[in-house]
Amino acid sequence: MTPFATREQYLVQAASELHVITHHPEVKVSVGFPKGSRGKSTAHAIGQCAKGVEKDGVHHIFISPVLDEATTPTGVLATLVHELVHASVGLEAGHKTPFKRLAEKCGLEGKMTATEAGEGLLVRLNDLSKELGPYPHRALTLGLGLGIKKQGTRMLKASCPKCGYTVRLAKKWADETLPTCSLCRVKFEMEDSE
């Protein structure tokens, strides 16, 4: 098969091929950051199925741009299967029984909010991946140029060796002098990093 020029072409073809196991309605598939129910970015979400975005009533599936073949060889396709199941059973089902039944029938396993391809589905997805060729996308690295700030201060933990009272303080203050417990009048000790 000729390599796909865009990741969307790849995902549309993959969705078409996966119809035999998900029996999903018409969908539009693209790459984009999933949004939560209140429009906020869900940093841990790697896929989303939404309906009603356009007047056509078609389900729109978004696959996170942090996924690629290098990080998760069949993860892109397994995520697509998960979102196609949402389109098939309807978004109102959430991850409840109708979703779970079809997801397991398709070969998804684990916690329904974070499914993984089971052994049988993994074989099918590996075959599909070979048939489709390389996924034309490299994962975006979050935090670089996206306005995400790096954490500046890590609070350290210190506790009273006598009563166990715990405080958190900046490294700057821990290096200068540790406080004294107001209950026991004993100097705090630094705890190991968590």
N, C-alpha and C. Protein backbone atom coordinates (compact mmCIF):
# COMPACT_ATOMS: atom_id res chain seq x y z
N MET A 1 0.85 -1.18 0.00
CA MET A 1 0.00 0.00 0.00
C MET A 1 0.89 1.24 0.00
N THR A 2 0.49 2.26 -0.75
CA THR A 2 1.23 3.52 -0.81
C THR A 2 1.17 4.22 0.54
N PRO A 3 2.29 4.71 1.03
CA PRO A 3 2.27 5.42 2.32
C PRO A 3 1.31 6.60 2.28
N PHE A 4 0.67 6.84 3.40
CA PHE A 4 -0.28 7.94 3.50
C PHE A 4 0.46 9.26 3.64
N ALA A 5 -0.07 10.30 3.00
CA ALA A 5 0.55 11.62 3.07
C ALA A 5 0.25 12.30 4.41
N THR A 6 -0.93 12.03 4.97
CA THR A 6 -1.28 12.68 6.23
C THR A 6 -1.72 11.66 7.26
N ARG A 7 -1.62 12.02 8.50
CA ARG A 7 -2.04 11.13 9.58
C ARG A 7 -3.56 10.95 9.57
N GLU A 8 -4.31 11.98 9.13
CA GLU A 8 -5.76 11.86 9.05
C GLU A 8 -6.17 10.82 8.01
N GLN A 9 -5.49 10.80 6.86
CA GLN A 9 -5.78 9.79 5.84
C GLN A 9 -5.55 8.39 6.40
N TYR A 10 -4.46 8.25 7.14
CA TYR A 10 -4.12 6.98 7.77
C TYR A 10 -5.25 6.55 8.73
N LEU A 11 -5.66 7.48 9.60
CA LEU A 11 -6.68 7.17 10.61
C LEU A 11 -8.04 6.89 9.98
N VAL A 12 -8.40 7.60 8.92
CA VAL A 12 -9.68 7.36 8.23
C VAL A 12 -9.67 5.96 7.62
N GLN A 13 -8.57 5.58 6.99
CA GLN A 13 -8.47 4.23 6.41
C GLN A 13 -8.50 3.18 7.51
N ALA A 14 -7.82 3.42 8.60
CA ALA A 14 -7.82 2.47 9.72
C ALA A 14 -9.23 2.31 10.27
N ALA A 15 -9.96 3.41 10.43
CA ALA A 15 -11.34 3.34 10.92
C ALA A 15 -12.21 2.53 9.97
N SER A 16 -12.00 2.70 8.68
CA SER A 16 -12.74 1.95 7.67
C SER A 16 -12.46 0.44 7.81
N GLU A 17 -11.20 0.10 8.00
CA GLU A 17 -10.80 -1.31 8.16
C GLU A 17 -11.34 -1.91 9.47
N LEU A 18 -11.45 -1.08 10.50
CA LEU A 18 -11.90 -1.57 11.82
C LEU A 18 -13.41 -1.67 11.92
N HIS A 19 -14.13 -1.22 10.91
CA HIS A 19 -15.60 -1.27 10.93
C HIS A 19 -16.11 -2.70 11.12
N VAL A 20 -15.36 -3.68 10.63
CA VAL A 20 -15.79 -5.08 10.74
C VAL A 20 -15.89 -5.56 12.19
N ILE A 21 -15.15 -4.93 13.10
CA ILE A 21 -15.25 -5.36 14.51
C ILE A 21 -16.05 -4.38 15.37
N THR A 22 -16.11 -3.10 14.99
CA THR A 22 -16.81 -2.12 15.83
C THR A 22 -18.21 -1.78 15.32
N HIS A 23 -18.46 -1.97 14.03
CA HIS A 23 -19.76 -1.65 13.41
C HIS A 23 -20.19 -0.21 13.74
N HIS A 24 -19.24 0.70 13.68
CA HIS A 24 -19.49 2.09 14.03
C HIS A 24 -20.24 2.84 12.93
N PRO A 25 -20.95 3.92 13.32
CA PRO A 25 -21.60 4.76 12.32
C PRO A 25 -20.54 5.62 11.61
N GLU A 26 -20.98 6.52 10.76
CA GLU A 26 -20.05 7.41 10.08
C GLU A 26 -19.28 8.23 11.12
N VAL A 27 -17.98 8.34 10.93
CA VAL A 27 -17.14 9.12 11.84
C VAL A 27 -16.18 9.98 11.03
N LYS A 28 -15.72 11.04 11.67
CA LYS A 28 -14.63 11.84 11.13
C LYS A 28 -13.49 11.69 12.13
N VAL A 29 -12.31 11.40 11.64
CA VAL A 29 -11.17 11.14 12.51
C VAL A 29 -10.06 12.14 12.23
N SER A 30 -9.50 12.69 13.28
CA SER A 30 -8.37 13.61 13.12
C SER A 30 -7.48 13.54 14.35
N VAL A 31 -6.39 14.27 14.28
CA VAL A 31 -5.46 14.33 15.40
C VAL A 31 -5.69 15.65 16.11
N GLY A 32 -5.82 15.60 17.42
CA GLY A 32 -6.03 16.82 18.19
C GLY A 32 -6.02 16.50 19.67
N PHE A 33 -5.83 17.54 20.48
CA PHE A 33 -5.82 17.33 21.92
C PHE A 33 -7.23 17.11 22.42
N PRO A 34 -7.49 15.99 23.11
CA PRO A 34 -8.82 15.73 23.65
C PRO A 34 -9.20 16.80 24.67
N LYS A 35 -10.48 17.11 24.73
CA LYS A 35 -10.99 18.10 25.68
C LYS A 35 -11.92 17.40 26.66
N GLY A 36 -11.96 17.92 27.87
CA GLY A 36 -12.87 17.40 28.88
C GLY A 36 -14.27 17.92 28.65
N SER A 37 -15.19 17.50 29.48
CA SER A 37 -16.58 17.89 29.32
C SER A 37 -16.79 19.39 29.51
N ARG A 38 -15.87 20.05 30.18
CA ARG A 38 -16.00 21.49 30.39
C ARG A 38 -15.04 22.28 29.50
N GLY A 39 -14.52 21.63 28.48
CA GLY A 39 -13.67 22.33 27.52
C GLY A 39 -12.22 22.45 27.94
N LYS A 40 -11.87 21.90 29.08
CA LYS A 40 -10.48 21.97 29.53
C LYS A 40 -9.71 20.78 28.96
N SER A 41 -8.43 21.00 28.71
CA SER A 41 -7.59 19.93 28.20
C SER A 41 -7.46 18.84 29.25
N THR A 42 -7.58 17.60 28.81
CA THR A 42 -7.39 16.48 29.73
C THR A 42 -6.03 15.89 29.40
N ALA A 43 -5.04 16.24 30.19
CA ALA A 43 -3.66 15.89 29.90
C ALA A 43 -3.44 14.38 29.77
N HIS A 44 -4.22 13.60 30.51
CA HIS A 44 -4.00 12.15 30.47
C HIS A 44 -4.78 11.46 29.36
N ALA A 45 -5.76 12.13 28.76
CA ALA A 45 -6.57 11.51 27.71
C ALA A 45 -5.77 11.38 26.42
N ILE A 46 -5.89 10.24 25.78
CA ILE A 46 -5.17 10.02 24.52
C ILE A 46 -6.13 9.90 23.34
N GLY A 47 -7.42 10.00 23.61
CA GLY A 47 -8.41 9.96 22.55
C GLY A 47 -9.73 10.51 23.05
N GLN A 48 -10.59 10.91 22.10
CA GLN A 48 -11.91 11.41 22.47
C GLN A 48 -12.86 11.21 21.30
N CYS A 49 -14.09 10.85 21.63
CA CYS A 49 -15.16 10.78 20.66
C CYS A 49 -16.18 11.83 21.05
N ALA A 50 -16.54 12.70 20.12
CA ALA A 50 -17.51 13.76 20.39
C ALA A 50 -18.58 13.75 19.31
N LYS A 51 -19.78 14.18 19.67
CA LYS A 51 -20.86 14.25 18.69
C LYS A 51 -21.54 15.60 18.84
N GLY A 52 -22.07 16.09 17.73
CA GLY A 52 -22.79 17.35 17.78
C GLY A 52 -21.89 18.55 17.57
N VAL A 53 -20.63 18.30 17.22
CA VAL A 53 -19.71 19.40 16.96
C VAL A 53 -20.16 20.15 15.71
N GLU A 54 -20.63 19.40 14.74
CA GLU A 54 -21.13 19.99 13.50
C GLU A 54 -22.62 19.67 13.38
N LYS A 55 -23.31 20.37 12.53
CA LYS A 55 -24.73 20.15 12.33
C LYS A 55 -25.05 18.80 11.71
N ASP A 56 -24.03 18.13 11.16
CA ASP A 56 -24.27 16.85 10.49
C ASP A 56 -24.52 15.69 11.46
N GLY A 57 -24.26 15.90 12.76
CA GLY A 57 -24.50 14.86 13.75
C GLY A 57 -23.52 13.70 13.70
N VAL A 58 -22.45 13.86 12.94
CA VAL A 58 -21.44 12.80 12.81
C VAL A 58 -20.53 12.82 14.04
N HIS A 59 -20.10 11.63 14.45
CA HIS A 59 -19.14 11.53 15.55
C HIS A 59 -17.77 11.99 15.06
N HIS A 60 -17.10 12.76 15.89
CA HIS A 60 -15.74 13.23 15.59
C HIS A 60 -14.81 12.57 16.60
N ILE A 61 -13.79 11.93 16.08
CA ILE A 61 -12.81 11.25 16.94
C ILE A 61 -11.49 11.98 16.84
N PHE A 62 -10.90 12.25 18.01
CA PHE A 62 -9.61 12.92 18.08
C PHE A 62 -8.61 11.97 18.73
N ILE A 63 -7.49 11.78 18.07
CA ILE A 63 -6.38 10.98 18.60
C ILE A 63 -5.30 11.96 19.01
N SER A 64 -4.82 11.82 20.22
CA SER A 64 -3.84 12.77 20.76
C SER A 64 -2.55 12.79 19.94
N PRO A 65 -2.01 13.99 19.71
CA PRO A 65 -0.75 14.09 18.97
C PRO A 65 0.48 13.66 19.77
N VAL A 66 0.29 13.25 21.03
CA VAL A 66 1.43 12.75 21.79
C VAL A 66 1.68 11.27 21.50
N LEU A 67 0.76 10.63 20.76
CA LEU A 67 0.93 9.22 20.39
C LEU A 67 1.60 9.09 19.03
N ASP A 68 2.48 8.14 18.92
CA ASP A 68 3.02 7.77 17.62
C ASP A 68 3.47 6.32 17.68
N GLU A 69 3.91 5.78 16.56
CA GLU A 69 4.31 4.37 16.52
C GLU A 69 5.55 4.09 17.36
N ALA A 70 6.41 5.09 17.51
CA ALA A 70 7.64 4.88 18.27
C ALA A 70 7.34 4.68 19.75
N THR A 71 6.37 5.44 20.28
CA THR A 71 6.07 5.34 21.71
C THR A 71 5.12 4.19 22.00
N THR A 72 4.15 3.96 21.12
CA THR A 72 3.20 2.88 21.30
C THR A 72 2.88 2.28 19.93
N PRO A 73 3.58 1.22 19.53
CA PRO A 73 3.43 0.67 18.18
C PRO A 73 1.98 0.45 17.73
N THR A 74 1.13 -0.15 18.55
CA THR A 74 -0.27 -0.32 18.15
C THR A 74 -1.19 0.54 19.00
N GLY A 75 -0.62 1.40 19.83
CA GLY A 75 -1.42 2.25 20.71
C GLY A 75 -2.33 3.20 19.97
N VAL A 76 -1.87 3.71 18.84
CA VAL A 76 -2.70 4.63 18.04
C VAL A 76 -3.94 3.87 17.58
N LEU A 77 -3.77 2.67 17.06
CA LEU A 77 -4.90 1.89 16.58
C LEU A 77 -5.78 1.39 17.72
N ALA A 78 -5.19 1.01 18.84
CA ALA A 78 -5.98 0.57 20.00
C ALA A 78 -6.82 1.73 20.53
N THR A 79 -6.25 2.92 20.55
CA THR A 79 -6.99 4.11 20.97
C THR A 79 -8.14 4.38 20.00
N LEU A 80 -7.88 4.21 18.72
CA LEU A 80 -8.92 4.40 17.71
C LEU A 80 -10.06 3.40 17.93
N VAL A 81 -9.74 2.15 18.21
CA VAL A 81 -10.78 1.14 18.47
C VAL A 81 -11.63 1.58 19.66
N HIS A 82 -11.00 2.02 20.73
CA HIS A 82 -11.72 2.48 21.93
C HIS A 82 -12.71 3.58 21.56
N GLU A 83 -12.26 4.56 20.79
CA GLU A 83 -13.12 5.69 20.42
C GLU A 83 -14.21 5.26 19.44
N LEU A 84 -13.92 4.30 18.56
CA LEU A 84 -14.94 3.78 17.64
C LEU A 84 -16.03 3.05 18.40
N VAL A 85 -15.67 2.39 19.49
CA VAL A 85 -16.67 1.73 20.33
C VAL A 85 -17.60 2.78 20.93
N HIS A 86 -17.04 3.91 21.37
CA HIS A 86 -17.89 5.00 21.87
C HIS A 86 -18.89 5.44 20.80
N ALA A 87 -18.42 5.59 19.58
CA ALA A 87 -19.30 6.00 18.48
C ALA A 87 -20.39 4.95 18.23
N SER A 88 -20.03 3.69 18.36
CA SER A 88 -20.98 2.60 18.10
C SER A 88 -22.10 2.51 19.12
N VAL A 89 -21.74 2.62 20.40
CA VAL A 89 -22.75 2.44 21.46
C VAL A 89 -23.42 3.75 21.86
N GLY A 90 -22.86 4.88 21.44
CA GLY A 90 -23.42 6.18 21.82
C GLY A 90 -22.70 6.75 23.02
N LEU A 91 -22.48 8.04 22.99
CA LEU A 91 -21.70 8.68 24.05
C LEU A 91 -22.40 8.64 25.41
N GLU A 92 -23.73 8.56 25.40
CA GLU A 92 -24.47 8.51 26.66
C GLU A 92 -24.15 7.26 27.46
N ALA A 93 -23.64 6.21 26.83
CA ALA A 93 -23.29 4.98 27.53
C ALA A 93 -22.04 5.14 28.37
N GLY A 94 -21.24 6.17 28.08
CA GLY A 94 -19.98 6.36 28.82
C GLY A 94 -19.14 5.10 28.71
N HIS A 95 -18.64 4.62 29.86
CA HIS A 95 -17.84 3.39 29.89
C HIS A 95 -18.62 2.28 30.61
N LYS A 96 -19.95 2.40 30.61
CA LYS A 96 -20.79 1.44 31.32
C LYS A 96 -21.02 0.18 30.49
N THR A 97 -21.98 -0.63 30.89
CA THR A 97 -22.22 -1.97 30.33
C THR A 97 -22.25 -2.05 28.80
N PRO A 98 -23.04 -1.21 28.09
CA PRO A 98 -23.03 -1.36 26.62
C PRO A 98 -21.64 -1.16 26.03
N PHE A 99 -20.91 -0.16 26.56
CA PHE A 99 -19.55 0.09 26.08
C PHE A 99 -18.67 -1.11 26.40
N LYS A 100 -18.74 -1.59 27.64
CA LYS A 100 -17.89 -2.70 28.08
C LYS A 100 -18.12 -3.95 27.24
N ARG A 101 -19.40 -4.25 26.95
CA ARG A 101 -19.71 -5.45 26.16
C ARG A 101 -19.04 -5.40 24.79
N LEU A 102 -19.23 -4.27 24.09
CA LEU A 102 -18.65 -4.17 22.75
C LEU A 102 -17.13 -4.08 22.80
N ALA A 103 -16.61 -3.34 23.77
CA ALA A 103 -15.15 -3.20 23.90
C ALA A 103 -14.50 -4.56 24.08
N GLU A 104 -15.06 -5.37 24.97
CA GLU A 104 -14.49 -6.70 25.21
C GLU A 104 -14.68 -7.61 24.00
N LYS A 105 -15.82 -7.47 23.31
CA LYS A 105 -16.05 -8.25 22.09
C LYS A 105 -15.02 -7.90 21.02
N CYS A 106 -14.63 -6.62 20.99
CA CYS A 106 -13.63 -6.16 20.01
C CYS A 106 -12.21 -6.57 20.41
N GLY A 107 -12.01 -6.95 21.67
CA GLY A 107 -10.69 -7.38 22.12
C GLY A 107 -9.98 -6.40 23.03
N LEU A 108 -10.70 -5.37 23.50
CA LEU A 108 -10.10 -4.44 24.45
C LEU A 108 -10.20 -5.03 25.85
N GLU A 109 -9.20 -4.76 26.67
CA GLU A 109 -9.14 -5.31 28.03
C GLU A 109 -8.78 -4.23 29.02
N GLY A 110 -8.92 -4.57 30.31
CA GLY A 110 -8.50 -3.68 31.38
C GLY A 110 -9.62 -2.76 31.82
N LYS A 111 -9.23 -1.73 32.55
CA LYS A 111 -10.18 -0.74 33.04
C LYS A 111 -10.80 -0.05 31.83
N MET A 112 -12.11 0.06 31.80
CA MET A 112 -12.79 0.56 30.61
C MET A 112 -12.47 2.03 30.30
N THR A 113 -12.02 2.79 31.25
CA THR A 113 -11.63 4.18 30.98
C THR A 113 -10.22 4.27 30.42
N ALA A 114 -9.48 3.17 30.45
CA ALA A 114 -8.10 3.15 29.95
C ALA A 114 -7.79 1.77 29.39
N THR A 115 -8.50 1.39 28.34
CA THR A 115 -8.37 0.04 27.80
C THR A 115 -7.05 -0.18 27.06
N GLU A 116 -6.71 -1.44 26.94
CA GLU A 116 -5.54 -1.86 26.16
C GLU A 116 -5.97 -2.99 25.24
N ALA A 117 -5.25 -3.16 24.17
CA ALA A 117 -5.56 -4.25 23.24
C ALA A 117 -5.18 -5.58 23.88
N GLY A 118 -6.13 -6.51 23.89
CA GLY A 118 -5.87 -7.86 24.36
C GLY A 118 -5.05 -8.60 23.31
N GLU A 119 -4.68 -9.82 23.63
CA GLU A 119 -3.80 -10.61 22.75
C GLU A 119 -4.36 -10.77 21.34
N GLY A 120 -5.64 -11.13 21.22
CA GLY A 120 -6.26 -11.32 19.91
C GLY A 120 -6.34 -10.03 19.11
N LEU A 121 -6.74 -8.95 19.75
CA LEU A 121 -6.82 -7.66 19.07
C LEU A 121 -5.44 -7.17 18.69
N LEU A 122 -4.47 -7.43 19.54
CA LEU A 122 -3.10 -7.01 19.25
C LEU A 122 -2.59 -7.63 17.95
N VAL A 123 -2.89 -8.90 17.73
CA VAL A 123 -2.51 -9.58 16.49
C VAL A 123 -3.18 -8.88 15.30
N ARG A 124 -4.48 -8.61 15.44
CA ARG A 124 -5.23 -7.95 14.36
C ARG A 124 -4.66 -6.56 14.09
N LEU A 125 -4.34 -5.80 15.15
CA LEU A 125 -3.82 -4.45 14.97
C LEU A 125 -2.41 -4.46 14.38
N ASN A 126 -1.60 -5.43 14.75
CA ASN A 126 -0.27 -5.57 14.14
C ASN A 126 -0.38 -5.83 12.65
N ASP A 127 -1.31 -6.71 12.27
CA ASP A 127 -1.53 -7.00 10.85
C ASP A 127 -2.02 -5.75 10.12
N LEU A 128 -2.96 -5.03 10.73
CA LEU A 128 -3.48 -3.80 10.12
C LEU A 128 -2.39 -2.76 9.99
N SER A 129 -1.55 -2.66 11.00
CA SER A 129 -0.44 -1.70 10.97
C SER A 129 0.51 -2.00 9.81
N LYS A 130 0.79 -3.28 9.58
CA LYS A 130 1.66 -3.68 8.46
C LYS A 130 1.00 -3.34 7.13
N GLU A 131 -0.32 -3.57 7.06
CA GLU A 131 -1.06 -3.29 5.84
C GLU A 131 -1.11 -1.79 5.54
N LEU A 132 -1.32 -0.98 6.56
CA LEU A 132 -1.42 0.47 6.37
C LEU A 132 -0.07 1.13 6.13
N GLY A 133 0.96 0.54 6.66
CA GLY A 133 2.28 1.15 6.56
C GLY A 133 2.52 2.08 7.74
N PRO A 134 3.59 2.87 7.69
CA PRO A 134 3.93 3.72 8.84
C PRO A 134 2.90 4.83 9.08
N TYR A 135 2.66 5.08 10.35
CA TYR A 135 1.78 6.18 10.76
C TYR A 135 2.55 7.48 10.53
N PRO A 136 2.08 8.35 9.63
CA PRO A 136 2.86 9.54 9.25
C PRO A 136 2.78 10.67 10.28
N HIS A 137 3.31 10.39 11.46
CA HIS A 137 3.26 11.39 12.53
C HIS A 137 4.33 11.07 13.56
N ARG A 138 4.96 12.08 14.09
CA ARG A 138 5.89 11.94 15.21
C ARG A 138 5.28 12.65 16.40
N ALA A 139 5.36 12.02 17.56
CA ALA A 139 4.72 12.55 18.77
C ALA A 139 5.20 13.96 19.09
N LEU A 140 4.25 14.77 19.52
CA LEU A 140 4.60 16.10 20.01
C LEU A 140 5.11 15.94 21.43
N THR A 141 6.10 16.71 21.77
CA THR A 141 6.62 16.71 23.12
C THR A 141 5.95 17.85 23.86
N LEU A 142 5.16 17.52 24.84
CA LEU A 142 4.45 18.55 25.58
C LEU A 142 5.42 19.39 26.40
N GLY A 143 5.08 20.65 26.53
CA GLY A 143 5.91 21.54 27.33
C GLY A 143 6.88 22.36 26.53
N LEU A 144 7.07 22.03 25.27
CA LEU A 144 8.00 22.78 24.44
C LEU A 144 7.21 23.69 23.51
N GLY A 145 7.15 24.96 23.86
CA GLY A 145 6.47 25.93 23.02
C GLY A 145 4.96 25.89 23.11
N LEU A 146 4.40 25.15 24.05
CA LEU A 146 2.96 25.08 24.17
C LEU A 146 2.43 25.89 25.35
N GLY A 147 3.29 26.70 25.96
CA GLY A 147 2.84 27.53 27.08
C GLY A 147 2.74 26.78 28.39
N ILE A 148 3.26 25.56 28.45
CA ILE A 148 3.22 24.80 29.68
C ILE A 148 4.47 25.12 30.47
N LYS A 149 4.28 25.63 31.67
CA LYS A 149 5.42 26.04 32.49
C LYS A 149 5.98 24.85 33.26
N LYS A 150 7.29 24.83 33.38
CA LYS A 150 7.96 23.83 34.18
C LYS A 150 7.80 24.22 35.65
N GLN A 151 7.61 23.22 36.51
CA GLN A 151 7.48 23.51 37.93
C GLN A 151 8.77 24.12 38.43
N GLY A 152 8.66 25.26 39.11
CA GLY A 152 9.84 25.97 39.55
C GLY A 152 10.33 25.56 40.93
N THR A 153 9.42 25.27 41.84
CA THR A 153 9.81 24.98 43.21
C THR A 153 9.27 23.62 43.64
N ARG A 154 10.13 22.83 44.22
CA ARG A 154 9.72 21.55 44.78
C ARG A 154 9.82 21.69 46.29
N MET A 155 8.70 21.57 46.96
CA MET A 155 8.69 21.70 48.41
C MET A 155 9.24 20.42 49.04
N LEU A 156 10.13 20.59 50.00
CA LEU A 156 10.75 19.47 50.69
C LEU A 156 10.00 19.19 51.98
N LYS A 157 10.09 17.97 52.45
CA LYS A 157 9.36 17.55 53.64
C LYS A 157 10.32 17.39 54.81
N ALA A 158 9.94 17.97 55.93
CA ALA A 158 10.72 17.84 57.17
C ALA A 158 9.75 17.47 58.29
N SER A 159 10.23 16.73 59.28
CA SER A 159 9.33 16.35 60.38
C SER A 159 10.08 16.35 61.70
N CYS A 160 9.30 16.45 62.76
CA CYS A 160 9.84 16.41 64.11
C CYS A 160 10.15 14.95 64.44
N PRO A 161 11.39 14.64 64.83
CA PRO A 161 11.75 13.25 65.13
C PRO A 161 11.05 12.72 66.39
N LYS A 162 10.53 13.62 67.22
CA LYS A 162 9.91 13.20 68.47
C LYS A 162 8.41 12.93 68.30
N CYS A 163 7.66 13.91 67.76
CA CYS A 163 6.20 13.74 67.66
C CYS A 163 5.70 13.43 66.25
N GLY A 164 6.56 13.63 65.22
CA GLY A 164 6.17 13.32 63.86
C GLY A 164 5.48 14.45 63.11
N TYR A 165 5.31 15.60 63.74
CA TYR A 165 4.68 16.75 63.08
C TYR A 165 5.47 17.07 61.81
N THR A 166 4.74 17.28 60.69
CA THR A 166 5.38 17.45 59.39
C THR A 166 5.13 18.84 58.82
N VAL A 167 6.16 19.38 58.17
CA VAL A 167 6.04 20.65 57.45
C VAL A 167 6.70 20.50 56.08
N ARG A 168 6.34 21.40 55.17
CA ARG A 168 6.99 21.46 53.86
C ARG A 168 7.64 22.83 53.74
N LEU A 169 8.82 22.85 53.15
CA LEU A 169 9.53 24.11 52.99
C LEU A 169 10.40 24.08 51.75
N ALA A 170 10.72 25.26 51.24
CA ALA A 170 11.56 25.38 50.06
C ALA A 170 12.99 24.98 50.39
N LYS A 171 13.71 24.49 49.40
CA LYS A 171 15.09 24.06 49.59
C LYS A 171 15.95 25.19 50.15
N LYS A 172 15.69 26.40 49.69
CA LYS A 172 16.44 27.56 50.16
C LYS A 172 16.41 27.65 51.69
N TRP A 173 15.22 27.47 52.28
CA TRP A 173 15.09 27.58 53.73
C TRP A 173 15.63 26.35 54.43
N ALA A 174 15.50 25.19 53.81
CA ALA A 174 16.03 23.96 54.41
C ALA A 174 17.55 24.01 54.49
N ASP A 175 18.18 24.63 53.47
CA ASP A 175 19.64 24.73 53.45
C ASP A 175 20.15 25.71 54.51
N GLU A 176 19.38 26.76 54.78
CA GLU A 176 19.82 27.76 55.76
C GLU A 176 19.68 27.24 57.18
N THR A 177 18.48 26.89 57.57
CA THR A 177 18.26 26.35 58.91
C THR A 177 16.89 25.72 58.99
N LEU A 178 16.83 24.57 59.60
CA LEU A 178 15.54 23.89 59.75
C LEU A 178 14.80 24.47 60.95
N PRO A 179 13.46 24.54 60.87
CA PRO A 179 12.69 25.08 61.99
C PRO A 179 12.68 24.12 63.18
N THR A 180 12.19 24.63 64.27
CA THR A 180 12.06 23.85 65.51
C THR A 180 10.59 23.57 65.74
N CYS A 181 10.27 22.38 66.19
CA CYS A 181 8.89 21.98 66.46
C CYS A 181 8.35 22.83 67.60
N SER A 182 7.21 23.45 67.39
CA SER A 182 6.62 24.31 68.42
C SER A 182 6.03 23.50 69.57
N LEU A 183 5.79 22.22 69.37
CA LEU A 183 5.24 21.37 70.42
C LEU A 183 6.33 20.77 71.30
N CYS A 184 7.39 20.25 70.67
CA CYS A 184 8.43 19.51 71.38
C CYS A 184 9.71 20.30 71.60
N ARG A 185 9.85 21.41 70.89
CA ARG A 185 11.07 22.22 70.93
C ARG A 185 12.30 21.45 70.44
N VAL A 186 12.06 20.55 69.46
CA VAL A 186 13.12 19.75 68.86
C VAL A 186 13.26 20.20 67.41
N LYS A 187 14.50 20.25 66.92
CA LYS A 187 14.74 20.68 65.55
C LYS A 187 14.22 19.63 64.55
N PHE A 188 13.52 20.10 63.51
CA PHE A 188 13.02 19.22 62.47
C PHE A 188 14.17 18.54 61.74
N GLU A 189 13.88 17.37 61.15
CA GLU A 189 14.84 16.65 60.33
C GLU A 189 14.23 16.47 58.94
N MET A 190 15.10 16.54 57.91
CA MET A 190 14.64 16.34 56.54
C MET A 190 14.27 14.88 56.33
N GLU A 191 13.19 14.66 55.56
CA GLU A 191 12.79 13.30 55.19
C GLU A 191 13.34 13.01 53.81
N ASP A 192 13.48 11.72 53.50
CA ASP A 192 13.94 11.32 52.16
C ASP A 192 12.97 11.82 51.12
N SER A 193 13.47 12.12 49.90
CA SER A 193 12.60 12.57 48.81
C SER A 193 11.60 11.49 48.48
N GLU A 194 10.40 11.96 48.04
CA GLU A 194 9.33 11.02 47.68
C GLU A 194 9.43 10.63 46.25
